Amino acid sequence: MAEDTQNTDTQAEGLAALGAISADAPVSEAPAAPAEPKIDNLGRSYATGRRKDAAARVWVKRGTGQVTINGRKLEVYFARPVLQMILAQPFDATERTGEFDVIATVRGGGLSGQAGAVRHGISRALTLFEPGLRPVLKAGGFLTRDSRVVERKKYGKAKARRSFQFSKR
């Protein structure tokens, strides 16, 4: 047993001589410094969200809970309640409903993809505004970009996978 301890001490000294580790310092990770909020001089955080073919530029700032998308109110742009609920999910998960104003410009895709893109952008902007919210949003899956896109059409096919109708005669 004494030989084993002596052998490991010799190995540690040999590694210390190589500069890999120090012989007397414990091997441990340095604690991660808390992330700094990224807020511009107007008090906003900016992030980009994407879903399908839609891309949303989102600014989040402290306010009364107003959501403006392409210059229109949330209820006008996303008339379906399901789409409005999608945009409210990051605020509900972090218990910050009504505390932030959202200004977003979104292009491409359909309404469902645009709602997903704005939600992704809101989540990313919230993590930049308050870095402490990241674990909650990450656990809810709001920071993961949904990479599913429409499959392209192949030559010799009617659509992406559908073949032309077969005719025996």
C-alpha atoms as a PDB file:
ATOM      1  CA  MET A   1       0.000   0.000   0.000  1.00  0.00           C
ATOM      2  CA  ALA A   2       2.838   2.379   0.830  1.00  0.00           C
ATOM      3  CA  GLU A   3       4.392   1.635  -2.541  1.00  0.00           C
ATOM      4  CA  ASP A   4       1.144   2.688  -4.306  1.00  0.00           C
ATOM      5  CA  THR A   5       1.072   6.092  -2.571  1.00  0.00           C
ATOM      6  CA  GLN A   6       4.744   6.639  -3.291  1.00  0.00           C
ATOM      7  CA  ASN A   7       4.208   5.655  -6.931  1.00  0.00           C
ATOM      8  CA  THR A   8       1.308   8.128  -7.402  1.00  0.00           C
ATOM      9  CA  ASP A   9       3.306  10.910  -5.723  1.00  0.00           C
ATOM     10  CA  THR A  10       6.156  10.278  -8.152  1.00  0.00           C
ATOM     11  CA  GLN A  11       3.759  10.352 -11.097  1.00  0.00           C
ATOM     12  CA  ALA A  12       2.218  13.620  -9.885  1.00  0.00           C
ATOM     13  CA  GLU A  13       5.676  15.183  -9.506  1.00  0.00           C
ATOM     14  CA  GLY A  14       6.611  13.974 -12.988  1.00  0.00           C
ATOM     15  CA  LEU A  15       3.456  15.516 -14.475  1.00  0.00           C
ATOM     16  CA  ALA A  16       4.061  18.720 -12.513  1.00  0.00           C
ATOM     17  CA  ALA A  17       7.542  18.914 -14.022  1.00  0.00           C
ATOM     18  CA  LEU A  18       5.971  18.677 -17.471  1.00  0.00           C
ATOM     19  CA  GLY A  19       3.631  21.547 -16.582  1.00  0.00           C
ATOM     20  CA  ALA A  20       0.462  19.473 -16.891  1.00  0.00           C
ATOM     21  CA  ILE A  21      -0.620  19.864 -13.263  1.00  0.00           C
ATOM     22  CA  SER A  22       0.924  21.183 -10.099  1.00  0.00           C
ATOM     23  CA  ALA A  23       1.833  18.534  -7.527  1.00  0.00           C
ATOM     24  CA  ASP A  24       0.166  20.226  -4.549  1.00  0.00           C
ATOM     25  CA  ALA A  25      -2.814  21.908  -6.259  1.00  0.00           C
ATOM     26  CA  PRO A  26      -6.127  20.009  -6.249  1.00  0.00           C
ATOM     27  CA  VAL A  27      -7.553  19.263  -9.666  1.00  0.00           C
ATOM     28  CA  SER A  28     -10.898  21.050 -10.030  1.00  0.00           C
ATOM     29  CA  GLU A  29     -12.820  23.222 -12.450  1.00  0.00           C
ATOM     30  CA  ALA A  30     -12.852  26.985 -11.971  1.00  0.00           C
ATOM     31  CA  PRO A  31     -16.318  28.253 -11.052  1.00  0.00           C
ATOM     32  CA  ALA A  32     -18.080  29.864 -14.003  1.00  0.00           C
ATOM     33  CA  ALA A  33     -18.522  33.611 -13.681  1.00  0.00           C
ATOM     34  CA  PRO A  34     -22.142  34.777 -13.845  1.00  0.00           C
ATOM     35  CA  ALA A  35     -23.009  36.022 -17.312  1.00  0.00           C
ATOM     36  CA  GLU A  36     -23.401  39.760 -17.793  1.00  0.00           C
ATOM     37  CA  PRO A  37     -26.682  41.072 -19.220  1.00  0.00           C
ATOM     38  CA  LYS A  38     -26.383  42.450 -22.755  1.00  0.00           C
ATOM     39  CA  ILE A  39     -28.546  45.581 -22.800  1.00  0.00           C
ATOM     40  CA  ASP A  40     -28.118  48.474 -25.249  1.00  0.00           C
ATOM     41  CA  ASN A  41     -28.267  52.176 -24.336  1.00  0.00           C
ATOM     42  CA  LEU A  42     -32.057  52.188 -24.870  1.00  0.00           C
ATOM     43  CA  GLY A  43     -32.555  49.434 -22.280  1.00  0.00           C
ATOM     44  CA  ARG A  44     -33.274  46.668 -24.809  1.00  0.00           C
ATOM     45  CA  SER A  45     -31.873  43.228 -25.508  1.00  0.00           C
ATOM     46  CA  TYR A  46     -31.809  41.958 -29.100  1.00  0.00           C
ATOM     47  CA  ALA A  47     -31.966  38.413 -30.413  1.00  0.00           C
ATOM     48  CA  THR A  48     -32.820  36.571 -33.608  1.00  0.00           C
ATOM     49  CA  GLY A  49     -35.262  33.664 -33.646  1.00  0.00           C
ATOM     50  CA  ARG A  50     -35.806  31.173 -36.445  1.00  0.00           C
ATOM     51  CA  ARG A  51     -38.361  28.475 -37.281  1.00  0.00           C
ATOM     52  CA  LYS A  52     -38.945  26.783 -40.665  1.00  0.00           C
ATOM     53  CA  ASP A  53     -38.426  29.560 -43.252  1.00  0.00           C
ATOM     54  CA  ALA A  54     -39.278  32.398 -40.851  1.00  0.00           C
ATOM     55  CA  ALA A  55     -36.725  34.683 -39.206  1.00  0.00           C
ATOM     56  CA  ALA A  56     -37.642  37.137 -36.461  1.00  0.00           C
ATOM     57  CA  ARG A  57     -35.637  40.051 -35.082  1.00  0.00           C
ATOM     58  CA  VAL A  58     -36.776  40.630 -31.499  1.00  0.00           C
ATOM     59  CA  TRP A  59     -36.116  43.461 -29.042  1.00  0.00           C
ATOM     60  CA  VAL A  60     -37.159  43.043 -25.401  1.00  0.00           C
ATOM     61  CA  LYS A  61     -37.265  45.842 -22.820  1.00  0.00           C
ATOM     62  CA  ARG A  62     -38.913  46.477 -19.455  1.00  0.00           C
ATOM     63  CA  GLY A  63     -42.473  47.693 -19.864  1.00  0.00           C
ATOM     64  CA  THR A  64     -46.134  46.864 -19.514  1.00  0.00           C
ATOM     65  CA  GLY A  65     -46.391  43.733 -21.653  1.00  0.00           C
ATOM     66  CA  GLN A  66     -47.132  45.272 -25.068  1.00  0.00           C
ATOM     67  CA  VAL A  67     -46.197  43.071 -28.020  1.00  0.00           C
ATOM     68  CA  THR A  68     -45.727  44.693 -31.446  1.00  0.00           C
ATOM     69  CA  ILE A  69     -45.021  42.568 -34.509  1.00  0.00           C
ATOM     70  CA  ASN A  70     -44.229  44.250 -37.833  1.00  0.00           C
ATOM     71  CA  GLY A  71     -45.794  47.467 -36.499  1.00  0.00           C
ATOM     72  CA  ARG A  72     -49.067  45.765 -35.528  1.00  0.00           C
ATOM     73  CA  LYS A  73     -50.399  44.598 -32.177  1.00  0.00           C
ATOM     74  CA  LEU A  74     -50.183  40.921 -31.253  1.00  0.00           C
ATOM     75  CA  GLU A  75     -53.962  40.387 -31.482  1.00  0.00           C
ATOM     76  CA  VAL A  76     -54.064  41.833 -34.999  1.00  0.00           C
ATOM     77  CA  TYR A  77     -51.010  40.078 -36.475  1.00  0.00           C
ATOM     78  CA  PHE A  78     -51.572  36.687 -34.818  1.00  0.00           C
ATOM     79  CA  ALA A  79     -55.373  36.489 -34.640  1.00  0.00           C
ATOM     80  CA  ARG A  80     -55.475  32.790 -33.696  1.00  0.00           C
ATOM     81  CA  PRO A  81     -55.385  32.251 -29.911  1.00  0.00           C
ATOM     82  CA  VAL A  82     -52.999  29.294 -30.328  1.00  0.00           C
ATOM     83  CA  LEU A  83     -50.370  31.551 -31.909  1.00  0.00           C
ATOM     84  CA  GLN A  84     -50.817  34.146 -29.163  1.00  0.00           C
ATOM     85  CA  MET A  85     -50.341  31.388 -26.584  1.00  0.00           C
ATOM     86  CA  ILE A  86     -47.107  30.296 -28.286  1.00  0.00           C
ATOM     87  CA  LEU A  87     -45.690  33.810 -27.884  1.00  0.00           C
ATOM     88  CA  ALA A  88     -46.715  33.951 -24.210  1.00  0.00           C
ATOM     89  CA  GLN A  89     -45.014  30.658 -23.279  1.00  0.00           C
ATOM     90  CA  PRO A  90     -41.525  32.044 -22.447  1.00  0.00           C
ATOM     91  CA  PHE A  91     -43.063  34.697 -20.162  1.00  0.00           C
ATOM     92  CA  ASP A  92     -45.322  32.141 -18.455  1.00  0.00           C
ATOM     93  CA  ALA A  93     -42.413  29.741 -17.863  1.00  0.00           C
ATOM     94  CA  THR A  94     -40.263  32.470 -16.285  1.00  0.00           C
ATOM     95  CA  GLU A  95     -43.194  34.107 -14.439  1.00  0.00           C
ATOM     96  CA  ARG A  96     -42.506  37.450 -16.158  1.00  0.00           C
ATOM     97  CA  THR A  97     -45.933  37.997 -17.741  1.00  0.00           C
ATOM     98  CA  GLY A  98     -46.612  41.704 -18.311  1.00  0.00           C
ATOM     99  CA  GLU A  99     -43.113  42.848 -17.331  1.00  0.00           C
ATOM    100  CA  PHE A 100     -41.566  43.205 -20.802  1.00  0.00           C
ATOM    101  CA  ASP A 101     -42.445  45.005 -24.016  1.00  0.00           C
ATOM    102  CA  VAL A 102     -41.617  43.103 -27.200  1.00  0.00           C
ATOM    103  CA  ILE A 103     -40.926  44.663 -30.586  1.00  0.00           C
ATOM    104  CA  ALA A 104     -40.417  42.151 -33.384  1.00  0.00           C
ATOM    105  CA  THR A 105     -40.017  42.157 -37.133  1.00  0.00           C
ATOM    106  CA  VAL A 106     -40.573  38.799 -38.781  1.00  0.00           C
ATOM    107  CA  ARG A 107     -40.179  37.705 -42.407  1.00  0.00           C
ATOM    108  CA  GLY A 108     -40.683  34.514 -44.370  1.00  0.00           C
ATOM    109  CA  GLY A 109     -42.690  31.381 -43.801  1.00  0.00           C
ATOM    110  CA  GLY A 110     -46.285  31.160 -42.676  1.00  0.00           C
ATOM    111  CA  LEU A 111     -47.989  32.346 -39.516  1.00  0.00           C
ATOM    112  CA  SER A 112     -47.165  29.213 -37.513  1.00  0.00           C
ATOM    113  CA  GLY A 113     -43.472  29.393 -38.423  1.00  0.00           C
ATOM    114  CA  GLN A 114     -43.410  33.115 -37.693  1.00  0.00           C
ATOM    115  CA  ALA A 115     -44.950  32.565 -34.253  1.00  0.00           C
ATOM    116  CA  GLY A 116     -42.311  29.935 -33.497  1.00  0.00           C
ATOM    117  CA  ALA A 117     -39.560  32.261 -34.692  1.00  0.00           C
ATOM    118  CA  VAL A 118     -40.796  35.119 -32.491  1.00  0.00           C
ATOM    119  CA  ARG A 119     -41.024  32.767 -29.491  1.00  0.00           C
ATOM    120  CA  HIS A 120     -37.445  31.608 -30.096  1.00  0.00           C
ATOM    121  CA  GLY A 121     -36.294  35.228 -30.387  1.00  0.00           C
ATOM    122  CA  ILE A 122     -38.131  36.270 -27.201  1.00  0.00           C
ATOM    123  CA  SER A 123     -36.520  33.404 -25.287  1.00  0.00           C
ATOM    124  CA  ARG A 124     -33.033  34.270 -26.499  1.00  0.00           C
ATOM    125  CA  ALA A 125     -33.533  37.977 -25.790  1.00  0.00           C
ATOM    126  CA  LEU A 126     -34.786  37.214 -22.265  1.00  0.00           C
ATOM    127  CA  THR A 127     -31.630  35.207 -21.543  1.00  0.00           C
ATOM    128  CA  LEU A 128     -29.537  38.169 -22.666  1.00  0.00           C
ATOM    129  CA  PHE A 129     -31.611  40.571 -20.558  1.00  0.00           C
ATOM    130  CA  GLU A 130     -31.650  38.322 -17.450  1.00  0.00           C
ATOM    131  CA  PRO A 131     -29.017  35.551 -17.681  1.00  0.00           C
ATOM    132  CA  GLY A 132     -30.505  33.873 -14.594  1.00  0.00           C
ATOM    133  CA  LEU A 133     -33.555  32.844 -16.649  1.00  0.00           C
ATOM    134  CA  ARG A 134     -31.505  30.596 -18.944  1.00  0.00           C
ATOM    135  CA  PRO A 135     -31.937  27.316 -16.971  1.00  0.00           C
ATOM    136  CA  VAL A 136     -35.740  27.687 -16.886  1.00  0.00           C
ATOM    137  CA  LEU A 137     -35.978  28.504 -20.602  1.00  0.00           C
ATOM    138  CA  LYS A 138     -33.512  25.752 -21.511  1.00  0.00           C
ATOM    139  CA  ALA A 139     -35.486  23.176 -19.518  1.00  0.00           C
ATOM    140  CA  GLY A 140     -38.682  24.281 -21.276  1.00  0.00           C
ATOM    141  CA  GLY A 141     -37.035  23.802 -24.686  1.00  0.00           C
ATOM    142  CA  PHE A 142     -37.494  27.437 -25.719  1.00  0.00           C
ATOM    143  CA  LEU A 143     -33.824  28.051 -26.575  1.00  0.00           C
ATOM    144  CA  THR A 144     -33.534  25.126 -28.984  1.00  0.00           C
ATOM    145  CA  ARG A 145     -34.038  26.100 -32.603  1.00  0.00           C
ATOM    146  CA  ASP A 146     -36.545  23.749 -34.210  1.00  0.00           C
ATOM    147  CA  SER A 147     -34.544  22.726 -37.272  1.00  0.00           C
ATOM    148  CA  ARG A 148     -37.359  20.953 -39.111  1.00  0.00           C
ATOM    149  CA  VAL A 149     -37.839  22.473 -42.563  1.00  0.00           C
ATOM    150  CA  VAL A 150     -39.776  21.476 -45.657  1.00  0.00           C
ATOM    151  CA  GLU A 151     -38.040  18.773 -47.649  1.00  0.00           C
ATOM    152  CA  ARG A 152     -37.038  19.793 -51.157  1.00  0.00           C
ATOM    153  CA  LYS A 153     -38.661  18.403 -54.287  1.00  0.00           C
ATOM    154  CA  LYS A 154     -36.600  15.799 -56.147  1.00  0.00           C
ATOM    155  CA  TYR A 155     -36.465  15.410 -59.908  1.00  0.00           C
ATOM    156  CA  GLY A 156     -38.530  12.513 -61.260  1.00  0.00           C
ATOM    157  CA  LYS A 157     -41.017  12.954 -58.402  1.00  0.00           C
ATOM    158  CA  ALA A 158     -44.305  14.837 -58.197  1.00  0.00           C
ATOM    159  CA  LYS A 159     -43.380  16.281 -54.780  1.00  0.00           C
ATOM    160  CA  ALA A 160     -40.592  15.588 -52.307  1.00  0.00           C
ATOM    161  CA  ARG A 161     -41.391  11.869 -52.089  1.00  0.00           C
ATOM    162  CA  ARG A 162     -44.626  11.299 -53.978  1.00  0.00           C
ATOM    163  CA  SER A 163     -44.234   9.507 -57.302  1.00  0.00           C
ATOM    164  CA  PHE A 164     -46.308  10.180 -60.378  1.00  0.00           C
ATOM    165  CA  GLN A 165     -49.363   7.960 -60.784  1.00  0.00           C
ATOM    166  CA  PHE A 166     -48.474   4.551 -62.193  1.00  0.00           C
ATOM    167  CA  SER A 167     -50.280   3.448 -65.338  1.00  0.00           C
ATOM    168  CA  LYS A 168     -50.082  -0.202 -66.311  1.00  0.00           C
ATOM    169  CA  ARG A 169     -51.560   0.430 -69.787  1.00  0.00           C
END
